[in-house]
Amino acid sequence: MNRLSPVLLYGRMIKFSHSIFALPFALSGAALAAATHGIRPVQVAWIVVAMVAARSAAMGFNRLVDRRIDADNPRTAQRELPTGAMSVLAVILFVLLSAVALVGAAWQLNRLCLLLSPVALAVVFAYSYTKRFTWASHLVLGLALALAPLGAWIAVTGRFDLPPILLGLSVMSWVAGFDILYSCQDHDFDRKAGLYSIPVRFGLVGALRLARVMHLLAVLFMVALGFSAGLQAVYFIGVAAITSLLVYEHRLVSPQDLTKVNTAFMTMNSLVSVAFFIFILADILWLG
């Protein structure tokens, strides 16, 4: 148990369990590319390494940049850096190693992935500063996670195409929508601390409306992806199921009752990402 403790500590620091939000979409991008270009197991392995490394570097960097803000926020005051459970130096080393792992994985995939890996790191690192000057920080987070399926497609094909761009736009809209919901619980703290967010800028009512708009856009981009990639009935049944999940997610949260934000954030969005991958894979494998 003692040997596992540092691993568990790092995993808790970066909320490793939240990888379930981005990983299924990255694998979806890989599956779409594989349908027309084929794929080797070693490519899948390096895609997973790259995705996990990028997310780990981003989360570690976010914890470093926000450690003083986290210490002042009652919701985040028990995180590893504010409590001293982890040192600043340890997290810096973790971020550097994760960034190196991403670049190494990209190098193993193809030249375009290698060239774009610093760009991906720049985007995911930049997000941590956006709440200090723009309420559009939720969109930047969405962009950061949208790089996962786009990167997976490039890892397989070595080029850009319309389907992964549509998938990326869907992921960006979906992430921005649920991040708006999640940030509602920090509305009062962010306003007092002078931080920027959609709930601070537009109030809780306006924020929930914009979250619905973002999730509507996510569904529309999913539909456009289906037509662009030549997907068939199984995929569109999946899009309908995901739409139902998103509708239910929004029914859990209201300006008067934010007690179910965590359920809406973790449970429902985990189901959305996993369901999307399952339906897209089933469509490709079953109907070809």
Protein backbone atom coordinates (compact mmCIF):
# COMPACT_ATOMS: atom_id res chain seq x y z
CA MET A 1 0.00 0.00 0.00
CA ASN A 2 2.88 2.37 0.79
CA ARG A 3 4.29 1.85 -2.69
CA LEU A 4 0.95 2.73 -4.23
CA SER A 5 0.37 5.80 -2.08
CA PRO A 6 2.39 8.22 -4.27
CA VAL A 7 0.61 6.90 -7.36
CA LEU A 8 -2.77 7.40 -5.73
CA LEU A 9 -1.73 10.87 -4.59
CA TYR A 10 -0.75 11.95 -8.09
CA GLY A 11 -3.88 10.35 -9.51
CA ARG A 12 -6.04 12.25 -7.06
CA MET A 13 -4.20 15.49 -7.77
CA ILE A 14 -4.94 15.33 -11.50
CA LYS A 15 -8.36 13.68 -11.01
CA PHE A 16 -7.29 10.74 -13.17
CA SER A 17 -10.82 9.34 -13.09
CA HIS A 18 -11.93 12.32 -15.18
CA SER A 19 -9.89 10.94 -18.08
CA ILE A 20 -13.10 9.13 -18.96
CA PHE A 21 -14.38 12.44 -20.37
CA ALA A 22 -11.73 12.76 -23.08
CA LEU A 23 -10.37 9.26 -23.67
CA PRO A 24 -13.52 7.78 -25.28
CA PHE A 25 -13.68 10.71 -27.69
CA ALA A 26 -10.00 10.26 -28.56
CA LEU A 27 -10.68 6.60 -29.24
CA SER A 28 -13.70 7.62 -31.32
CA GLY A 29 -11.45 9.76 -33.49
CA ALA A 30 -9.07 6.83 -33.86
CA ALA A 31 -11.96 4.47 -34.73
CA LEU A 32 -13.26 6.81 -37.44
CA ALA A 33 -9.79 7.05 -38.96
CA ALA A 34 -9.26 3.29 -38.71
CA ALA A 35 -12.48 2.65 -40.63
CA THR A 36 -10.86 4.01 -43.80
CA HIS A 37 -7.12 3.86 -43.08
CA GLY A 38 -6.70 0.86 -40.80
CA ILE A 39 -4.92 0.91 -37.46
CA ARG A 40 -2.29 -1.09 -35.61
CA PRO A 41 -2.39 -1.97 -31.89
CA VAL A 42 0.82 -0.05 -31.29
CA GLN A 43 -0.84 3.09 -32.66
CA VAL A 44 -3.73 2.68 -30.24
CA ALA A 45 -1.26 2.30 -27.38
CA TRP A 46 0.65 5.46 -28.27
CA ILE A 47 -2.58 7.41 -28.74
CA VAL A 48 -3.64 6.46 -25.21
CA VAL A 49 -0.21 7.40 -23.84
CA ALA A 50 -0.32 10.76 -25.62
CA MET A 51 -3.82 11.55 -24.41
CA VAL A 52 -3.14 10.60 -20.78
CA ALA A 53 0.19 12.47 -20.81
CA ALA A 54 -1.38 15.63 -22.25
CA ARG A 55 -4.19 15.60 -19.71
CA SER A 56 -1.80 14.90 -16.84
CA ALA A 57 0.47 17.79 -17.86
CA ALA A 58 -2.54 20.10 -18.20
CA MET A 59 -4.05 19.18 -14.82
CA GLY A 60 -0.73 19.37 -13.02
CA PHE A 61 -0.03 22.78 -14.53
CA ASN A 62 -3.52 23.96 -13.59
CA ARG A 63 -2.96 22.92 -9.97
CA LEU A 64 0.32 24.86 -9.92
CA VAL A 65 -1.12 28.03 -11.41
CA ASP A 66 -4.28 27.94 -9.27
CA ARG A 67 -2.78 26.78 -5.96
CA ARG A 68 -3.35 30.11 -4.18
CA ILE A 69 -6.88 30.47 -5.59
CA ASP A 70 -7.62 26.88 -4.57
CA ALA A 71 -6.41 27.60 -1.04
CA ASP A 72 -8.93 30.45 -0.69
CA ASN A 73 -11.88 28.56 -2.17
CA PRO A 74 -13.63 26.33 0.42
CA ARG A 75 -14.53 23.83 -2.32
CA THR A 76 -10.90 23.33 -3.36
CA ALA A 77 -8.98 24.12 -0.18
CA GLN A 78 -8.35 20.42 0.50
CA ARG A 79 -6.52 19.81 -2.75
CA GLU A 80 -2.99 18.41 -2.55
CA LEU A 81 -0.99 21.63 -3.05
CA PRO A 82 -2.99 23.89 -0.69
CA THR A 83 -2.82 21.28 2.07
CA GLY A 84 0.87 20.55 1.55
CA ALA A 85 0.26 16.91 0.70
CA MET A 86 2.37 17.54 -2.41
CA SER A 87 5.21 20.01 -2.94
CA VAL A 88 5.41 22.57 -5.73
CA LEU A 89 8.65 20.98 -6.94
CA ALA A 90 7.04 17.53 -7.14
CA VAL A 91 4.19 18.87 -9.29
CA ILE A 92 6.60 20.82 -11.54
CA LEU A 93 8.59 17.62 -12.16
CA PHE A 94 5.35 15.75 -12.81
CA VAL A 95 4.25 18.33 -15.40
CA LEU A 96 7.64 18.24 -17.14
CA LEU A 97 7.69 14.44 -17.29
CA SER A 98 4.11 14.36 -18.59
CA ALA A 99 4.96 16.92 -21.29
CA VAL A 100 8.01 14.87 -22.33
CA ALA A 101 5.83 11.75 -22.46
CA LEU A 102 3.39 13.51 -24.78
CA VAL A 103 6.14 14.64 -27.14
CA GLY A 104 7.67 11.15 -27.06
CA ALA A 105 4.35 9.51 -27.88
CA ALA A 106 3.74 11.99 -30.70
CA TRP A 107 7.21 11.19 -32.09
CA GLN A 108 6.30 7.50 -32.13
CA LEU A 109 3.09 8.22 -34.07
CA ASN A 110 4.08 10.43 -36.99
CA ARG A 111 5.86 13.63 -37.96
CA LEU A 112 2.75 15.84 -37.98
CA CYS A 113 1.84 14.70 -34.46
CA LEU A 114 5.36 15.55 -33.30
CA LEU A 115 5.22 19.01 -34.88
CA LEU A 116 1.82 19.73 -33.34
CA SER A 117 2.60 18.44 -29.84
CA PRO A 118 4.03 21.82 -28.62
CA VAL A 119 0.88 23.51 -29.93
CA ALA A 120 -1.28 21.09 -27.95
CA LEU A 121 0.75 21.78 -24.81
CA ALA A 122 0.46 25.55 -25.36
CA VAL A 123 -3.33 25.31 -25.60
CA VAL A 124 -3.82 23.13 -22.52
CA PHE A 125 -1.41 25.26 -20.46
CA ALA A 126 -2.97 28.54 -21.61
CA TYR A 127 -6.38 27.48 -20.32
CA SER A 128 -5.21 27.77 -16.72
CA TYR A 129 -4.79 31.55 -17.09
CA THR A 130 -7.99 32.36 -18.96
CA LYS A 131 -10.27 32.69 -15.93
CA ARG A 132 -8.17 35.70 -14.95
CA PHE A 133 -9.18 37.79 -17.96
CA THR A 134 -12.11 36.26 -19.94
CA TRP A 135 -15.45 34.65 -19.23
CA ALA A 136 -14.90 32.51 -22.35
CA SER A 137 -12.51 30.26 -20.39
CA HIS A 138 -15.05 27.42 -20.71
CA LEU A 139 -14.61 27.48 -24.50
CA VAL A 140 -10.83 27.31 -24.14
CA LEU A 141 -11.21 24.24 -21.92
CA GLY A 142 -13.48 22.77 -24.59
CA LEU A 143 -10.84 23.47 -27.22
CA ALA A 144 -8.20 21.76 -25.09
CA LEU A 145 -10.25 18.56 -24.83
CA ALA A 146 -11.29 18.78 -28.49
CA LEU A 147 -7.65 18.26 -29.42
CA ALA A 148 -7.92 14.64 -28.23
CA PRO A 149 -10.10 13.26 -31.08
CA LEU A 150 -8.44 15.51 -33.64
CA GLY A 151 -5.01 14.34 -32.50
CA ALA A 152 -6.09 10.70 -32.60
CA TRP A 153 -7.27 11.10 -36.20
CA ILE A 154 -3.96 12.72 -37.19
CA ALA A 155 -2.09 9.97 -35.38
CA VAL A 156 -3.69 7.40 -37.69
CA THR A 157 -3.94 9.34 -40.97
CA GLY A 158 -1.18 11.94 -40.72
CA ARG A 159 -3.49 14.70 -41.99
CA PHE A 160 -6.50 16.93 -41.22
CA ASP A 161 -10.00 16.12 -42.48
CA LEU A 162 -13.56 17.38 -41.99
CA PRO A 163 -14.93 14.52 -39.80
CA PRO A 164 -12.43 14.99 -36.92
CA ILE A 165 -12.95 18.75 -37.06
CA LEU A 166 -16.70 18.25 -36.63
CA LEU A 167 -16.02 15.76 -33.83
CA GLY A 168 -13.69 18.29 -32.20
CA LEU A 169 -16.33 21.03 -32.43
CA SER A 170 -18.85 18.69 -30.83
CA VAL A 171 -16.45 17.91 -27.98
CA MET A 172 -15.63 21.60 -27.52
CA SER A 173 -19.32 22.52 -27.26
CA TRP A 174 -20.09 19.59 -24.96
CA VAL A 175 -17.18 20.36 -22.60
CA ALA A 176 -17.97 24.09 -22.52
CA GLY A 177 -21.58 23.27 -21.63
CA PHE A 178 -20.79 20.98 -18.71
CA ASP A 179 -17.98 23.25 -17.48
CA ILE A 180 -20.45 26.13 -17.32
CA LEU A 181 -22.72 23.95 -15.18
CA TYR A 182 -19.81 22.93 -12.96
CA SER A 183 -18.61 26.51 -12.49
CA CYS A 184 -22.04 27.59 -11.22
CA GLN A 185 -21.11 26.23 -7.80
CA ASP A 186 -18.18 28.70 -7.65
CA HIS A 187 -20.30 31.68 -8.73
CA ASP A 188 -20.07 33.58 -5.42
CA PHE A 189 -16.39 32.84 -4.84
CA ASP A 190 -15.35 33.75 -8.39
CA ARG A 191 -17.24 37.03 -8.21
CA LYS A 192 -15.60 38.01 -4.92
CA ALA A 193 -12.15 36.89 -6.12
CA GLY A 194 -12.42 38.89 -9.34
CA LEU A 195 -12.29 35.81 -11.56
CA TYR A 196 -14.09 35.53 -14.88
CA SER A 197 -16.68 32.94 -15.84
CA ILE A 198 -19.99 32.76 -17.65
CA PRO A 199 -21.95 32.43 -14.35
CA VAL A 200 -20.23 35.60 -13.08
CA ARG A 201 -20.79 37.47 -16.33
CA PHE A 202 -24.38 36.40 -17.07
CA GLY A 203 -25.68 35.17 -13.70
CA LEU A 204 -26.86 31.67 -12.89
CA VAL A 205 -29.99 31.86 -15.05
CA GLY A 206 -28.06 33.11 -18.07
CA ALA A 207 -25.30 30.57 -17.49
CA LEU A 208 -27.68 27.63 -17.48
CA ARG A 209 -29.27 28.89 -20.70
CA LEU A 210 -25.89 29.19 -22.38
CA ALA A 211 -24.97 25.69 -21.18
CA ARG A 212 -28.10 24.39 -22.93
CA VAL A 213 -27.11 26.24 -26.11
CA MET A 214 -23.64 24.70 -26.01
CA HIS A 215 -25.06 21.21 -25.61
CA LEU A 216 -27.51 21.81 -28.45
CA LEU A 217 -24.55 22.78 -30.63
CA ALA A 218 -22.73 19.62 -29.52
CA VAL A 219 -25.64 17.47 -30.72
CA LEU A 220 -25.87 19.34 -34.03
CA PHE A 221 -22.15 18.82 -34.64
CA MET A 222 -22.60 15.11 -33.83
CA VAL A 223 -25.34 14.90 -36.46
CA ALA A 224 -23.13 16.72 -38.99
CA LEU A 225 -20.30 14.30 -38.17
CA GLY A 226 -22.58 11.35 -38.88
CA PHE A 227 -23.39 12.59 -42.37
CA SER A 228 -19.81 13.68 -43.10
CA ALA A 229 -18.30 10.35 -42.06
CA GLY A 230 -21.01 8.24 -43.70
CA LEU A 231 -22.19 6.74 -40.43
CA GLN A 232 -25.50 4.94 -40.30
CA ALA A 233 -28.49 4.05 -38.10
CA VAL A 234 -26.64 2.74 -35.04
CA TYR A 235 -24.68 5.98 -34.69
CA PHE A 236 -27.75 8.19 -34.99
CA ILE A 237 -29.57 6.09 -32.39
CA GLY A 238 -26.58 6.80 -30.16
CA VAL A 239 -26.85 10.54 -30.82
CA ALA A 240 -30.52 10.38 -29.79
CA ALA A 241 -29.57 8.56 -26.58
CA ILE A 242 -26.87 11.14 -25.82
CA THR A 243 -29.37 13.93 -26.41
CA SER A 244 -31.66 12.34 -23.81
CA LEU A 245 -28.76 12.14 -21.33
CA LEU A 246 -27.95 15.82 -21.85
CA VAL A 247 -31.60 16.82 -21.39
CA TYR A 248 -31.70 14.87 -18.13
CA GLU A 249 -28.41 16.46 -17.05
CA HIS A 250 -29.93 19.91 -17.35
CA ARG A 251 -33.03 18.85 -15.44
CA LEU A 252 -30.78 18.05 -12.46
CA VAL A 253 -29.57 21.64 -12.07
CA SER A 254 -31.47 24.87 -11.52
CA PRO A 255 -30.50 28.36 -10.27
CA GLN A 256 -32.31 27.56 -7.03
CA ASP A 257 -30.76 24.11 -6.53
CA LEU A 258 -27.12 23.39 -7.37
CA THR A 259 -26.81 20.39 -5.04
CA LYS A 260 -26.80 17.92 -7.95
CA VAL A 261 -24.09 19.67 -9.98
CA ASN A 262 -21.55 16.95 -9.23
CA THR A 263 -23.98 14.23 -10.32
CA ALA A 264 -24.69 16.14 -13.54
CA PHE A 265 -20.97 16.76 -14.07
CA MET A 266 -19.43 13.36 -13.34
CA THR A 267 -22.10 10.72 -13.80
CA MET A 268 -24.01 12.06 -16.78
CA ASN A 269 -20.99 13.24 -18.74
CA SER A 270 -19.15 9.98 -18.16
CA LEU A 271 -22.17 8.22 -19.66
CA VAL A 272 -22.19 10.62 -22.61
CA SER A 273 -18.53 10.05 -23.52
CA VAL A 274 -18.63 6.26 -23.10
CA ALA A 275 -21.95 5.98 -24.96
CA PHE A 276 -20.61 8.00 -27.86
CA PHE A 277 -17.62 5.69 -28.29
CA ILE A 278 -19.72 2.54 -27.97
CA PHE A 279 -22.26 3.65 -30.56
CA ILE A 280 -19.70 4.93 -33.04
CA LEU A 281 -17.67 1.73 -32.73
CA ALA A 282 -20.79 -0.42 -33.06
CA ASP A 283 -21.82 1.46 -36.18
CA ILE A 284 -18.41 0.99 -37.77
CA LEU A 285 -18.06 -2.69 -36.85
CA TRP A 286 -21.64 -3.80 -37.42
CA LEU A 287 -22.62 -1.84 -40.50
CA GLY A 288 -19.13 -1.24 -41.86
